[in-house]
């Protein structure tokens, strides 16, 4: 198998894993977060206790796989400048989303889970939850936009590997 073929296959894996990531984003925003964030502090029972939902298991599995696939795709496609730029565009945006997530979204999720132990009113929790969901929809839209460069990279013609010099 040539390096260019391997580059295409690694890029396909990145696209599939990105699609899985997007599926998690859609599911979370349509099914999970409206229920969870719509009735805090009472609805925090969804993430607390012995039968709590642990959405973190999904994200702690998919994010490292996506990162690993993007690194692999970048390395294998390094000799393909058009592909490399598009993969790095997606990867750079993804890193920015992860940074923003760790600065704002994750701390808020931790606060939401601990809401039964706070003195904040349910009305304030609702406002915070609604703001979080609105901003997270924007974050999700960025994630959806980031698959486009990967798809364009996949359809970019590749420079074929040159045969080894017999001399």
N, C-alpha and C. Protein backbone atom coordinates (compact mmCIF):
# COMPACT_ATOMS: atom_id res chain seq x y z
N UNK A 1 0.86 -1.18 0.00
CA UNK A 1 0.00 0.00 0.00
C UNK A 1 0.90 1.24 0.00
N UNK A 2 0.58 2.16 -0.87
CA UNK A 2 1.38 3.38 -0.96
C UNK A 2 1.02 4.34 0.16
N UNK A 3 1.90 5.28 0.38
CA UNK A 3 1.67 6.29 1.42
C UNK A 3 0.42 7.12 1.11
N UNK A 4 0.20 7.42 -0.17
CA UNK A 4 -0.99 8.22 -0.53
C UNK A 4 -2.27 7.44 -0.27
N UNK A 5 -2.26 6.13 -0.52
CA UNK A 5 -3.44 5.31 -0.20
C UNK A 5 -3.65 5.26 1.32
N UNK A 6 -2.58 5.09 2.05
CA UNK A 6 -2.67 5.06 3.52
C UNK A 6 -3.20 6.40 4.03
N UNK A 7 -2.75 7.49 3.39
CA UNK A 7 -3.24 8.81 3.77
C UNK A 7 -4.74 8.94 3.58
N UNK A 8 -5.24 8.37 2.50
CA UNK A 8 -6.69 8.40 2.25
C UNK A 8 -7.43 7.59 3.31
N UNK A 9 -6.90 6.43 3.65
CA UNK A 9 -7.57 5.59 4.65
C UNK A 9 -7.55 6.23 6.04
N UNK A 10 -6.43 6.84 6.40
CA UNK A 10 -6.39 7.49 7.72
C UNK A 10 -7.35 8.67 7.76
N UNK A 11 -7.46 9.36 6.66
CA UNK A 11 -8.40 10.48 6.58
C UNK A 11 -9.84 9.99 6.66
N UNK A 12 -10.13 8.84 6.05
CA UNK A 12 -11.47 8.25 6.16
C UNK A 12 -11.80 7.93 7.62
N UNK A 13 -10.83 7.39 8.34
CA UNK A 13 -11.04 7.09 9.76
C UNK A 13 -11.33 8.38 10.53
N UNK A 14 -10.59 9.43 10.23
CA UNK A 14 -10.83 10.72 10.89
C UNK A 14 -12.24 11.23 10.62
N UNK A 15 -12.68 11.10 9.38
CA UNK A 15 -14.03 11.57 9.03
C UNK A 15 -15.09 10.74 9.77
N UNK A 16 -14.92 9.43 9.83
CA UNK A 16 -15.88 8.58 10.54
C UNK A 16 -15.92 8.93 12.03
N UNK A 17 -14.75 9.08 12.63
CA UNK A 17 -14.72 9.43 14.06
C UNK A 17 -15.30 10.81 14.31
N UNK A 18 -15.05 11.74 13.39
CA UNK A 18 -15.66 13.07 13.51
C UNK A 18 -17.18 12.96 13.43
N UNK A 19 -17.67 12.09 12.56
CA UNK A 19 -19.11 11.86 12.46
C UNK A 19 -19.68 11.30 13.76
N UNK A 20 -18.96 10.40 14.40
CA UNK A 20 -19.39 9.86 15.69
C UNK A 20 -19.44 10.97 16.73
N UNK A 21 -18.43 11.84 16.72
CA UNK A 21 -18.40 12.99 17.62
C UNK A 21 -19.62 13.87 17.40
N UNK A 22 -19.93 14.14 16.13
CA UNK A 22 -21.09 14.97 15.81
C UNK A 22 -22.40 14.31 16.24
N UNK A 23 -22.46 13.00 16.12
CA UNK A 23 -23.65 12.29 16.60
C UNK A 23 -23.86 12.49 18.09
N UNK A 24 -22.77 12.46 18.85
CA UNK A 24 -22.86 12.72 20.28
C UNK A 24 -23.32 14.14 20.57
N UNK A 25 -22.83 15.09 19.79
CA UNK A 25 -23.24 16.49 19.96
C UNK A 25 -24.74 16.63 19.73
N UNK A 26 -25.23 16.05 18.64
CA UNK A 26 -26.66 16.16 18.31
C UNK A 26 -27.51 15.49 19.38
N UNK A 27 -27.16 14.26 19.75
CA UNK A 27 -27.93 13.54 20.77
C UNK A 27 -27.98 14.34 22.08
N UNK A 28 -26.82 14.81 22.51
CA UNK A 28 -26.76 15.54 23.77
C UNK A 28 -27.66 16.78 23.75
N UNK A 29 -27.63 17.49 22.63
CA UNK A 29 -28.38 18.74 22.56
C UNK A 29 -29.87 18.56 22.33
N UNK A 30 -30.25 17.46 21.71
CA UNK A 30 -31.68 17.26 21.46
C UNK A 30 -32.35 16.47 22.58
N UNK A 31 -31.66 15.48 23.13
CA UNK A 31 -32.29 14.58 24.10
C UNK A 31 -31.88 14.89 25.54
N UNK A 32 -30.60 14.99 25.78
CA UNK A 32 -30.07 14.99 27.14
C UNK A 32 -30.12 16.35 27.84
N UNK A 33 -29.51 17.37 27.24
CA UNK A 33 -29.38 18.65 27.92
C UNK A 33 -30.69 19.38 28.16
N UNK A 34 -31.67 19.36 27.27
CA UNK A 34 -32.93 20.04 27.59
C UNK A 34 -33.58 19.49 28.87
N UNK A 35 -33.54 18.19 29.06
CA UNK A 35 -34.12 17.59 30.27
C UNK A 35 -33.26 17.92 31.48
N UNK A 36 -31.96 17.70 31.34
CA UNK A 36 -31.05 17.89 32.46
C UNK A 36 -31.00 19.35 32.92
N UNK A 37 -30.87 20.27 31.99
CA UNK A 37 -30.69 21.67 32.36
C UNK A 37 -32.00 22.43 32.48
N UNK A 38 -33.11 21.79 32.16
CA UNK A 38 -34.40 22.47 32.20
C UNK A 38 -35.07 22.47 33.56
N UNK A 39 -34.54 21.75 34.52
CA UNK A 39 -35.22 21.69 35.82
C UNK A 39 -34.28 21.64 37.01
N UNK A 40 -33.11 22.26 36.88
CA UNK A 40 -32.15 22.29 37.98
C UNK A 40 -32.72 23.07 39.16
N UNK A 41 -32.45 22.70 40.36
CA UNK A 41 -31.52 21.66 40.80
C UNK A 41 -32.13 20.25 40.84
N UNK A 42 -33.46 20.14 40.72
CA UNK A 42 -34.09 18.82 40.83
C UNK A 42 -33.62 17.85 39.75
N UNK A 43 -33.43 18.33 38.54
CA UNK A 43 -33.05 17.45 37.44
C UNK A 43 -31.59 16.99 37.51
N UNK A 44 -30.83 17.50 38.47
CA UNK A 44 -29.45 17.05 38.64
C UNK A 44 -29.38 15.59 39.05
N UNK A 45 -30.53 15.03 39.41
CA UNK A 45 -30.59 13.60 39.73
C UNK A 45 -30.15 12.76 38.53
N UNK A 46 -30.25 13.31 37.32
CA UNK A 46 -29.82 12.59 36.12
C UNK A 46 -28.33 12.27 36.14
N UNK A 47 -27.54 13.10 36.83
CA UNK A 47 -26.09 12.91 36.83
C UNK A 47 -25.53 12.58 38.21
N UNK A 48 -26.40 12.43 39.18
CA UNK A 48 -25.96 12.12 40.54
C UNK A 48 -26.60 10.82 41.01
N UNK A 49 -25.92 10.12 41.88
CA UNK A 49 -26.48 8.91 42.46
C UNK A 49 -26.05 7.65 41.75
N UNK A 50 -26.51 6.51 42.27
CA UNK A 50 -26.03 5.22 41.76
C UNK A 50 -26.50 4.89 40.34
N UNK A 51 -27.57 5.50 39.88
CA UNK A 51 -28.09 5.20 38.54
C UNK A 51 -27.96 6.39 37.60
N UNK A 52 -27.01 7.25 37.88
CA UNK A 52 -26.82 8.47 37.09
C UNK A 52 -26.29 8.14 35.70
N UNK A 53 -26.65 8.99 34.76
CA UNK A 53 -26.08 8.90 33.41
C UNK A 53 -24.70 9.54 33.44
N UNK A 54 -23.74 8.88 32.83
CA UNK A 54 -22.38 9.40 32.79
C UNK A 54 -21.98 9.63 31.34
N UNK A 55 -22.38 10.76 30.82
CA UNK A 55 -22.08 11.11 29.44
C UNK A 55 -20.58 11.28 29.23
N UNK A 56 -19.85 11.55 30.29
CA UNK A 56 -18.41 11.74 30.21
C UNK A 56 -17.67 10.53 29.64
N UNK A 57 -18.20 9.33 29.87
CA UNK A 57 -17.54 8.12 29.34
C UNK A 57 -17.46 8.18 27.82
N UNK A 58 -18.53 8.64 27.19
CA UNK A 58 -18.52 8.76 25.73
C UNK A 58 -17.47 9.77 25.29
N UNK A 59 -17.50 10.97 25.90
CA UNK A 59 -16.61 12.03 25.48
C UNK A 59 -15.15 11.70 25.78
N UNK A 60 -14.88 11.02 26.89
CA UNK A 60 -13.50 10.66 27.24
C UNK A 60 -12.98 9.52 26.37
N UNK A 61 -13.86 8.88 25.64
CA UNK A 61 -13.44 7.86 24.66
C UNK A 61 -13.27 8.48 23.28
N UNK A 62 -14.25 9.26 22.85
CA UNK A 62 -14.25 9.76 21.47
C UNK A 62 -13.20 10.85 21.25
N UNK A 63 -13.01 11.76 22.21
CA UNK A 63 -12.04 12.84 22.00
C UNK A 63 -10.62 12.32 21.76
N UNK A 64 -10.09 11.42 22.60
CA UNK A 64 -8.74 10.92 22.31
C UNK A 64 -8.65 10.20 20.96
N UNK A 65 -9.69 9.48 20.59
CA UNK A 65 -9.68 8.79 19.29
C UNK A 65 -9.65 9.79 18.14
N UNK A 66 -10.44 10.85 18.25
CA UNK A 66 -10.46 11.88 17.20
C UNK A 66 -9.10 12.56 17.12
N UNK A 67 -8.55 12.91 18.27
CA UNK A 67 -7.24 13.57 18.29
C UNK A 67 -6.18 12.67 17.68
N UNK A 68 -6.16 11.42 18.08
CA UNK A 68 -5.19 10.47 17.54
C UNK A 68 -5.35 10.31 16.02
N UNK A 69 -6.60 10.24 15.57
CA UNK A 69 -6.82 10.08 14.13
C UNK A 69 -6.40 11.32 13.35
N UNK A 70 -6.62 12.50 13.92
CA UNK A 70 -6.21 13.72 13.23
C UNK A 70 -4.68 13.84 13.19
N UNK A 71 -4.02 13.46 14.27
CA UNK A 71 -2.56 13.47 14.27
C UNK A 71 -2.04 12.49 13.22
N UNK A 72 -2.60 11.28 13.22
CA UNK A 72 -2.17 10.28 12.25
C UNK A 72 -2.44 10.74 10.82
N UNK A 73 -3.61 11.30 10.57
CA UNK A 73 -3.94 11.80 9.23
C UNK A 73 -2.99 12.91 8.81
N UNK A 74 -2.66 13.78 9.74
CA UNK A 74 -1.73 14.87 9.42
C UNK A 74 -0.35 14.32 9.06
N UNK A 75 0.14 13.41 9.88
CA UNK A 75 1.48 12.85 9.64
C UNK A 75 1.53 12.10 8.32
N UNK A 76 0.56 11.22 8.09
CA UNK A 76 0.57 10.39 6.88
C UNK A 76 0.35 11.24 5.62
N UNK A 77 -0.43 12.32 5.74
CA UNK A 77 -0.71 13.18 4.59
C UNK A 77 0.21 14.39 4.50
N UNK A 78 1.27 14.40 5.28
CA UNK A 78 2.14 15.58 5.35
C UNK A 78 2.68 15.99 3.99
N UNK A 79 2.95 15.04 3.12
CA UNK A 79 3.51 15.35 1.79
C UNK A 79 2.45 15.83 0.80
N UNK A 80 1.22 15.92 1.27
CA UNK A 80 0.12 16.40 0.44
C UNK A 80 -0.30 17.77 0.98
N UNK A 81 0.30 18.86 0.49
CA UNK A 81 0.06 20.19 1.09
C UNK A 81 -1.40 20.60 1.15
N UNK A 82 -2.17 20.31 0.12
CA UNK A 82 -3.59 20.71 0.14
C UNK A 82 -4.34 19.97 1.24
N UNK A 83 -4.10 18.68 1.36
CA UNK A 83 -4.73 17.90 2.42
C UNK A 83 -4.24 18.34 3.80
N UNK A 84 -2.94 18.52 3.91
CA UNK A 84 -2.35 18.89 5.19
C UNK A 84 -2.98 20.17 5.73
N UNK A 85 -3.12 21.19 4.89
CA UNK A 85 -3.72 22.46 5.33
C UNK A 85 -5.14 22.26 5.82
N UNK A 86 -5.92 21.47 5.09
CA UNK A 86 -7.32 21.27 5.48
C UNK A 86 -7.44 20.47 6.77
N UNK A 87 -6.61 19.46 6.93
CA UNK A 87 -6.63 18.67 8.16
C UNK A 87 -6.22 19.56 9.34
N UNK A 88 -5.17 20.36 9.15
CA UNK A 88 -4.70 21.24 10.23
C UNK A 88 -5.72 22.33 10.56
N UNK A 89 -6.48 22.76 9.58
CA UNK A 89 -7.55 23.74 9.83
C UNK A 89 -8.57 23.14 10.79
N UNK A 90 -9.01 21.93 10.48
CA UNK A 90 -9.96 21.25 11.36
C UNK A 90 -9.35 21.01 12.73
N UNK A 91 -8.12 20.53 12.76
CA UNK A 91 -7.45 20.21 14.02
C UNK A 91 -7.28 21.46 14.88
N UNK A 92 -6.88 22.56 14.26
CA UNK A 92 -6.71 23.82 15.00
C UNK A 92 -8.02 24.31 15.61
N UNK A 93 -9.08 24.27 14.81
CA UNK A 93 -10.39 24.68 15.33
C UNK A 93 -10.84 23.76 16.46
N UNK A 94 -10.56 22.47 16.33
CA UNK A 94 -10.92 21.49 17.36
C UNK A 94 -10.19 21.78 18.67
N UNK A 95 -8.91 22.09 18.58
CA UNK A 95 -8.14 22.43 19.78
C UNK A 95 -8.73 23.67 20.44
N UNK A 96 -9.11 24.67 19.66
CA UNK A 96 -9.73 25.87 20.23
C UNK A 96 -11.05 25.53 20.92
N UNK A 97 -11.84 24.66 20.31
CA UNK A 97 -13.11 24.25 20.92
C UNK A 97 -12.85 23.51 22.24
N UNK A 98 -11.85 22.67 22.26
CA UNK A 98 -11.52 21.95 23.49
C UNK A 98 -11.06 22.91 24.59
N UNK A 99 -10.29 23.93 24.22
CA UNK A 99 -9.85 24.92 25.20
C UNK A 99 -11.04 25.68 25.77
N UNK A 100 -11.92 26.15 24.89
CA UNK A 100 -13.12 26.87 25.35
C UNK A 100 -13.99 25.96 26.21
N UNK A 101 -14.09 24.71 25.82
CA UNK A 101 -14.87 23.75 26.60
C UNK A 101 -14.30 23.61 28.00
N UNK A 102 -12.99 23.50 28.10
CA UNK A 102 -12.39 23.32 29.42
C UNK A 102 -12.46 24.58 30.28
N UNK A 103 -12.51 25.75 29.65
CA UNK A 103 -12.58 27.00 30.40
C UNK A 103 -14.00 27.33 30.85
N UNK A 104 -14.99 27.10 29.99
CA UNK A 104 -16.36 27.49 30.33
C UNK A 104 -17.32 26.30 30.48
N UNK A 105 -17.41 25.46 29.48
CA UNK A 105 -18.46 24.44 29.45
C UNK A 105 -18.31 23.39 30.55
N UNK A 106 -17.12 22.85 30.74
CA UNK A 106 -16.94 21.83 31.78
C UNK A 106 -17.16 22.38 33.18
N UNK A 107 -16.59 23.55 33.54
CA UNK A 107 -16.87 24.07 34.88
C UNK A 107 -18.36 24.30 35.13
N UNK A 108 -19.07 24.74 34.12
CA UNK A 108 -20.52 24.92 34.29
C UNK A 108 -21.21 23.57 34.48
N UNK A 109 -20.80 22.56 33.73
CA UNK A 109 -21.40 21.24 33.92
C UNK A 109 -21.17 20.72 35.34
N UNK A 110 -19.99 20.98 35.87
CA UNK A 110 -19.70 20.57 37.25
C UNK A 110 -20.61 21.33 38.22
N UNK A 111 -20.79 22.61 37.98
CA UNK A 111 -21.70 23.40 38.82
C UNK A 111 -23.14 22.90 38.70
N UNK A 112 -23.57 22.56 37.50
CA UNK A 112 -24.93 22.03 37.32
C UNK A 112 -25.12 20.75 38.12
N UNK A 113 -24.13 19.88 38.07
CA UNK A 113 -24.23 18.61 38.81
C UNK A 113 -24.29 18.85 40.31
N UNK A 114 -23.64 19.90 40.79
CA UNK A 114 -23.62 20.22 42.22
C UNK A 114 -24.74 21.18 42.63
N UNK A 115 -25.63 21.50 41.71
CA UNK A 115 -26.68 22.48 41.97
C UNK A 115 -27.57 22.15 43.17
N UNK A 116 -27.84 20.87 43.49
CA UNK A 116 -28.67 20.62 44.67
C UNK A 116 -28.02 21.10 45.98
N UNK A 117 -26.72 21.28 45.99
CA UNK A 117 -26.02 21.73 47.19
C UNK A 117 -25.80 23.24 47.22
N UNK A 118 -26.37 23.97 46.29
CA UNK A 118 -26.15 25.41 46.22
C UNK A 118 -27.36 26.18 46.74
N UNK A 119 -27.15 27.46 46.92
CA UNK A 119 -28.24 28.34 47.35
C UNK A 119 -28.80 29.15 46.19
N UNK A 120 -28.37 28.84 44.98
CA UNK A 120 -28.84 29.55 43.79
C UNK A 120 -30.27 29.12 43.50
N UNK A 121 -31.09 30.07 43.11
CA UNK A 121 -32.50 29.79 42.86
C UNK A 121 -32.69 28.96 41.59
N UNK A 122 -33.78 28.19 41.53
CA UNK A 122 -34.07 27.45 40.29
C UNK A 122 -34.16 28.36 39.06
N UNK A 123 -34.68 29.59 39.24
CA UNK A 123 -34.77 30.51 38.11
C UNK A 123 -33.39 30.87 37.58
N UNK A 124 -32.43 31.08 38.49
CA UNK A 124 -31.07 31.39 38.06
C UNK A 124 -30.43 30.17 37.39
N UNK A 125 -30.69 28.98 37.93
CA UNK A 125 -30.16 27.76 37.29
C UNK A 125 -30.74 27.61 35.88
N UNK A 126 -32.02 27.92 35.72
CA UNK A 126 -32.64 27.83 34.40
C UNK A 126 -31.98 28.81 33.44
N UNK A 127 -31.74 30.03 33.90
CA UNK A 127 -31.09 31.03 33.04
C UNK A 127 -29.67 30.57 32.66
N UNK A 128 -28.93 30.05 33.63
CA UNK A 128 -27.58 29.57 33.34
C UNK A 128 -27.61 28.37 32.39
N UNK A 129 -28.57 27.48 32.62
CA UNK A 129 -28.71 26.31 31.76
C UNK A 129 -29.07 26.69 30.33
N UNK A 130 -29.97 27.65 30.20
CA UNK A 130 -30.36 28.11 28.86
C UNK A 130 -29.20 28.79 28.14
N UNK A 131 -28.45 29.62 28.88
CA UNK A 131 -27.28 30.28 28.29
C UNK A 131 -26.25 29.23 27.86
N UNK A 132 -26.03 28.25 28.72
CA UNK A 132 -25.07 27.18 28.42
C UNK A 132 -25.49 26.45 27.14
N UNK A 133 -26.79 26.10 27.04
CA UNK A 133 -27.26 25.38 25.85
C UNK A 133 -27.13 26.23 24.59
N UNK A 134 -27.46 27.50 24.69
CA UNK A 134 -27.34 28.39 23.54
C UNK A 134 -25.90 28.45 23.05
N UNK A 135 -24.97 28.69 23.97
CA UNK A 135 -23.56 28.75 23.61
C UNK A 135 -23.05 27.39 23.12
N UNK A 136 -23.57 26.33 23.67
CA UNK A 136 -23.15 25.00 23.25
C UNK A 136 -23.67 24.66 21.85
N UNK A 137 -24.83 25.20 21.48
CA UNK A 137 -25.30 25.04 20.11
C UNK A 137 -24.35 25.73 19.13
N UNK A 138 -23.82 26.89 19.53
CA UNK A 138 -22.84 27.58 18.68
C UNK A 138 -21.57 26.73 18.58
N UNK A 139 -21.13 26.19 19.72
CA UNK A 139 -19.96 25.31 19.72
C UNK A 139 -20.21 24.11 18.81
N UNK A 140 -21.41 23.54 18.88
CA UNK A 140 -21.76 22.41 18.02
C UNK A 140 -21.75 22.78 16.55
N UNK A 141 -22.22 23.98 16.23
CA UNK A 141 -22.21 24.44 14.83
C UNK A 141 -20.77 24.56 14.33
N UNK A 142 -19.88 25.03 15.17
CA UNK A 142 -18.46 25.11 14.80
C UNK A 142 -17.94 23.70 14.52
N UNK A 143 -18.31 22.75 15.37
CA UNK A 143 -17.86 21.37 15.18
C UNK A 143 -18.40 20.81 13.86
N UNK A 144 -19.65 21.13 13.53
CA UNK A 144 -20.21 20.67 12.26
C UNK A 144 -19.46 21.31 11.10
N UNK A 145 -19.14 22.60 11.21
CA UNK A 145 -18.41 23.27 10.14
C UNK A 145 -17.02 22.65 9.95
N UNK A 146 -16.45 22.13 11.02
CA UNK A 146 -15.09 21.59 10.96
C UNK A 146 -14.99 20.27 10.20
N UNK A 147 -16.11 19.61 9.95
CA UNK A 147 -16.01 18.39 9.16
C UNK A 147 -15.83 18.73 7.67
N UNK A 148 -16.24 19.92 7.27
CA UNK A 148 -16.16 20.30 5.86
C UNK A 148 -14.72 20.28 5.34
N UNK A 149 -13.75 20.89 6.05
CA UNK A 149 -12.37 20.78 5.55
C UNK A 149 -11.88 19.33 5.47
N UNK A 150 -12.29 18.49 6.41
CA UNK A 150 -11.89 17.08 6.33
C UNK A 150 -12.46 16.41 5.09
N UNK A 151 -13.71 16.71 4.78
CA UNK A 151 -14.32 16.14 3.58
C UNK A 151 -13.64 16.66 2.31
N UNK A 152 -13.32 17.95 2.30
CA UNK A 152 -12.60 18.50 1.15
C UNK A 152 -11.22 17.86 1.03
N UNK A 153 -10.56 17.64 2.17
CA UNK A 153 -9.25 16.98 2.14
C UNK A 153 -9.36 15.59 1.52
N UNK A 154 -10.44 14.92 1.86
CA UNK A 154 -10.64 13.56 1.36
C UNK A 154 -10.80 13.51 -0.16
N UNK A 155 -11.39 14.54 -0.74
CA UNK A 155 -11.61 14.53 -2.18
C UNK A 155 -10.50 15.22 -2.96
N UNK A 156 -9.52 15.78 -2.25
CA UNK A 156 -8.39 16.41 -2.93
C UNK A 156 -7.59 15.35 -3.68
N UNK A 157 -7.24 15.63 -4.93
CA UNK A 157 -6.36 14.69 -5.64
C UNK A 157 -5.01 14.64 -4.94
N UNK A 158 -4.44 13.46 -4.88
CA UNK A 158 -3.16 13.31 -4.21
C UNK A 158 -2.05 13.13 -5.23
N UNK A 159 -0.89 13.63 -4.85
CA UNK A 159 0.29 13.38 -5.68
C UNK A 159 0.70 11.96 -5.38
N UNK A 160 0.78 11.14 -6.42
CA UNK A 160 1.14 9.74 -6.27
C UNK A 160 2.59 9.61 -5.86
N UNK A 161 2.86 8.59 -5.07
CA UNK A 161 4.23 8.29 -4.68
C UNK A 161 5.03 7.94 -5.93
N UNK A 162 6.23 8.45 -6.00
CA UNK A 162 7.09 8.11 -7.12
C UNK A 162 7.70 6.74 -6.89
N UNK A 163 7.85 5.96 -7.97
CA UNK A 163 8.49 4.65 -7.80
C UNK A 163 9.94 4.82 -7.36
N UNK A 164 10.42 3.84 -6.65
CA UNK A 164 11.80 3.91 -6.17
C UNK A 164 12.76 3.92 -7.35
N UNK A 165 13.83 4.68 -7.23
CA UNK A 165 14.84 4.77 -8.28
C UNK A 165 15.61 3.45 -8.31
N UNK A 166 15.61 2.75 -9.48
CA UNK A 166 16.28 1.45 -9.54
C UNK A 166 17.79 1.56 -9.43
N UNK A 167 18.35 2.74 -9.63
CA UNK A 167 19.82 2.89 -9.57
C UNK A 167 20.30 3.10 -8.19
